[in-house]
């Protein structure tokens, strides 16, 4: 199993959510986040003054998928989140060694 973590702009979340449902992903965990990458920070106007915003708003979406589904899911994520501009975000892929459905005790892929 693979855990796919997507960090992207909040404006991309709704398209990502819909695409993951269409792709057959059976569960998502979503968090609001703040951070920076290559762009470091941005300038914003506040009462006619430029101020540096150190952390930019981001949405963090996590999902666990079967090994044979991971590449398809990554391709679909790229399709709906990529603009080609700095700040599009990142996708992290991790190996999951076990999963347990608390209600039934099912394990591994059966727990997904």
C-alpha atoms as a PDB file:
ATOM      1  CA  UNK A   1       0.000   0.000   0.000  1.00  0.00           C
ATOM      2  CA  UNK A   2       1.083   3.569  -0.609  1.00  0.00           C
ATOM      3  CA  UNK A   3       0.245   6.714   1.322  1.00  0.00           C
ATOM      4  CA  UNK A   4      -0.024   9.670  -1.019  1.00  0.00           C
ATOM      5  CA  UNK A   5       0.216  13.110   0.570  1.00  0.00           C
ATOM      6  CA  UNK A   6      -0.622  16.132  -1.560  1.00  0.00           C
ATOM      7  CA  UNK A   7       0.232  19.678  -0.513  1.00  0.00           C
ATOM      8  CA  UNK A   8      -1.467  22.149  -2.834  1.00  0.00           C
ATOM      9  CA  UNK A   9      -3.204  25.508  -3.048  1.00  0.00           C
ATOM     10  CA  UNK A  10      -6.623  25.625  -1.348  1.00  0.00           C
ATOM     11  CA  UNK A  11      -8.164  26.706  -4.652  1.00  0.00           C
ATOM     12  CA  UNK A  12      -7.236  23.310  -6.139  1.00  0.00           C
ATOM     13  CA  UNK A  13      -8.912  21.205  -3.445  1.00  0.00           C
ATOM     14  CA  UNK A  14     -12.407  20.911  -4.907  1.00  0.00           C
ATOM     15  CA  UNK A  15     -11.112  19.756  -8.310  1.00  0.00           C
ATOM     16  CA  UNK A  16      -8.781  17.311  -6.544  1.00  0.00           C
ATOM     17  CA  UNK A  17     -11.592  15.943  -4.370  1.00  0.00           C
ATOM     18  CA  UNK A  18     -13.842  15.345  -7.376  1.00  0.00           C
ATOM     19  CA  UNK A  19     -11.031  13.717  -9.374  1.00  0.00           C
ATOM     20  CA  UNK A  20     -10.164  11.351  -6.521  1.00  0.00           C
ATOM     21  CA  UNK A  21     -13.808  10.249  -6.230  1.00  0.00           C
ATOM     22  CA  UNK A  22     -13.909   9.654 -10.011  1.00  0.00           C
ATOM     23  CA  UNK A  23     -10.639   7.701  -9.783  1.00  0.00           C
ATOM     24  CA  UNK A  24     -12.079   5.417  -7.104  1.00  0.00           C
ATOM     25  CA  UNK A  25     -10.049   6.541  -4.095  1.00  0.00           C
ATOM     26  CA  UNK A  26     -12.106   5.328  -1.139  1.00  0.00           C
ATOM     27  CA  UNK A  27     -11.002   7.808   1.514  1.00  0.00           C
ATOM     28  CA  UNK A  28      -9.301  11.172   1.992  1.00  0.00           C
ATOM     29  CA  UNK A  29      -8.022  13.028   5.021  1.00  0.00           C
ATOM     30  CA  UNK A  30      -7.889  16.796   4.559  1.00  0.00           C
ATOM     31  CA  UNK A  31      -6.121  19.417   6.672  1.00  0.00           C
ATOM     32  CA  UNK A  32      -5.476  23.116   6.372  1.00  0.00           C
ATOM     33  CA  UNK A  33      -1.783  23.887   6.410  1.00  0.00           C
ATOM     34  CA  UNK A  34       0.636  26.758   6.002  1.00  0.00           C
ATOM     35  CA  UNK A  35       4.082  26.590   4.511  1.00  0.00           C
ATOM     36  CA  UNK A  36       6.518  27.689   1.887  1.00  0.00           C
ATOM     37  CA  UNK A  37       8.679  26.079  -0.738  1.00  0.00           C
ATOM     38  CA  UNK A  38      10.673  27.573  -3.572  1.00  0.00           C
ATOM     39  CA  UNK A  39       8.743  30.850  -3.444  1.00  0.00           C
ATOM     40  CA  UNK A  40       9.782  31.431   0.247  1.00  0.00           C
ATOM     41  CA  UNK A  41       7.217  34.175   0.915  1.00  0.00           C
ATOM     42  CA  UNK A  42       5.106  36.762  -0.830  1.00  0.00           C
ATOM     43  CA  UNK A  43       4.431  40.448  -0.398  1.00  0.00           C
ATOM     44  CA  UNK A  44       0.930  41.490   0.565  1.00  0.00           C
ATOM     45  CA  UNK A  45      -0.680  44.890   1.030  1.00  0.00           C
ATOM     46  CA  UNK A  46      -2.026  45.863   4.423  1.00  0.00           C
ATOM     47  CA  UNK A  47      -3.270  49.425   4.865  1.00  0.00           C
ATOM     48  CA  UNK A  48      -1.076  50.642   1.983  1.00  0.00           C
ATOM     49  CA  UNK A  49       2.005  48.936   3.436  1.00  0.00           C
ATOM     50  CA  UNK A  50       3.883  46.004   1.945  1.00  0.00           C
ATOM     51  CA  UNK A  51       4.288  43.157   4.415  1.00  0.00           C
ATOM     52  CA  UNK A  52       5.988  39.805   3.892  1.00  0.00           C
ATOM     53  CA  UNK A  53       3.758  36.794   4.376  1.00  0.00           C
ATOM     54  CA  UNK A  54       6.139  34.057   5.526  1.00  0.00           C
ATOM     55  CA  UNK A  55       3.799  31.088   5.273  1.00  0.00           C
ATOM     56  CA  UNK A  56       1.276  30.613   2.502  1.00  0.00           C
ATOM     57  CA  UNK A  57      -2.069  28.827   2.957  1.00  0.00           C
ATOM     58  CA  UNK A  58      -2.061  25.242   1.686  1.00  0.00           C
ATOM     59  CA  UNK A  59      -4.348  22.240   1.754  1.00  0.00           C
ATOM     60  CA  UNK A  60      -2.918  18.868   2.751  1.00  0.00           C
ATOM     61  CA  UNK A  61      -4.730  15.809   1.377  1.00  0.00           C
ATOM     62  CA  UNK A  62      -3.720  12.293   2.433  1.00  0.00           C
ATOM     63  CA  UNK A  63      -4.913   8.962   1.056  1.00  0.00           C
ATOM     64  CA  UNK A  64      -3.827   5.336   1.162  1.00  0.00           C
ATOM     65  CA  UNK A  65      -4.178   3.301  -2.026  1.00  0.00           C
ATOM     66  CA  UNK A  66      -3.261  -0.162  -3.264  1.00  0.00           C
ATOM     67  CA  UNK A  67       0.226  -0.421  -4.777  1.00  0.00           C
ATOM     68  CA  UNK A  68      -1.144  -1.047  -8.267  1.00  0.00           C
ATOM     69  CA  UNK A  69      -3.320   2.103  -8.099  1.00  0.00           C
ATOM     70  CA  UNK A  70      -0.640   4.571  -6.960  1.00  0.00           C
ATOM     71  CA  UNK A  71       0.702   5.673 -10.360  1.00  0.00           C
ATOM     72  CA  UNK A  72      -2.798   6.226 -11.764  1.00  0.00           C
ATOM     73  CA  UNK A  73      -3.754   8.308  -8.721  1.00  0.00           C
ATOM     74  CA  UNK A  74      -0.558  10.393  -8.987  1.00  0.00           C
ATOM     75  CA  UNK A  75      -1.231  11.030 -12.691  1.00  0.00           C
ATOM     76  CA  UNK A  76      -4.779  12.194 -11.891  1.00  0.00           C
ATOM     77  CA  UNK A  77      -3.519  14.467  -9.085  1.00  0.00           C
ATOM     78  CA  UNK A  78      -1.030  16.085 -11.465  1.00  0.00           C
ATOM     79  CA  UNK A  79      -3.735  16.551 -14.091  1.00  0.00           C
ATOM     80  CA  UNK A  80      -6.034  18.511 -11.809  1.00  0.00           C
ATOM     81  CA  UNK A  81      -3.499  20.507  -9.740  1.00  0.00           C
ATOM     82  CA  UNK A  82      -0.652  21.434 -12.109  1.00  0.00           C
ATOM     83  CA  UNK A  83      -0.590  24.980 -13.490  1.00  0.00           C
ATOM     84  CA  UNK A  84       3.111  25.099 -14.304  1.00  0.00           C
ATOM     85  CA  UNK A  85       3.720  27.981 -11.892  1.00  0.00           C
ATOM     86  CA  UNK A  86       5.709  28.087  -8.673  1.00  0.00           C
ATOM     87  CA  UNK A  87       3.465  27.125  -5.772  1.00  0.00           C
ATOM     88  CA  UNK A  88       1.621  24.228  -7.447  1.00  0.00           C
ATOM     89  CA  UNK A  89       2.667  22.044  -4.512  1.00  0.00           C
ATOM     90  CA  UNK A  90       4.176  18.632  -3.880  1.00  0.00           C
ATOM     91  CA  UNK A  91       3.177  14.976  -3.841  1.00  0.00           C
ATOM     92  CA  UNK A  92       4.877  12.663  -1.342  1.00  0.00           C
ATOM     93  CA  UNK A  93       4.567   8.880  -1.596  1.00  0.00           C
ATOM     94  CA  UNK A  94       5.279   6.624   1.391  1.00  0.00           C
ATOM     95  CA  UNK A  95       5.140   2.871   1.893  1.00  0.00           C
ATOM     96  CA  UNK A  96       2.445   1.664   4.309  1.00  0.00           C
ATOM     97  CA  UNK A  97       3.235  -1.651   5.965  1.00  0.00           C
ATOM     98  CA  UNK A  98      -0.152  -2.247   7.589  1.00  0.00           C
ATOM     99  CA  UNK A  99      -3.626  -0.823   8.026  1.00  0.00           C
ATOM    100  CA  UNK A 100      -6.342  -1.925  10.447  1.00  0.00           C
ATOM    101  CA  UNK A 101     -10.031  -1.088  10.227  1.00  0.00           C
ATOM    102  CA  UNK A 102     -10.916  -0.495  13.880  1.00  0.00           C
ATOM    103  CA  UNK A 103     -14.579  -1.484  13.547  1.00  0.00           C
ATOM    104  CA  UNK A 104     -13.978  -4.927  12.006  1.00  0.00           C
ATOM    105  CA  UNK A 105     -10.324  -5.702  12.577  1.00  0.00           C
ATOM    106  CA  UNK A 106      -9.736  -6.124   8.828  1.00  0.00           C
ATOM    107  CA  UNK A 107      -6.096  -5.674   7.857  1.00  0.00           C
ATOM    108  CA  UNK A 108      -3.928  -4.517   4.969  1.00  0.00           C
ATOM    109  CA  UNK A 109      -5.806  -3.746   1.717  1.00  0.00           C
ATOM    110  CA  UNK A 110      -9.049  -5.199   3.150  1.00  0.00           C
ATOM    111  CA  UNK A 111      -9.020  -2.296   5.614  1.00  0.00           C
ATOM    112  CA  UNK A 112      -9.056   0.277   2.849  1.00  0.00           C
END
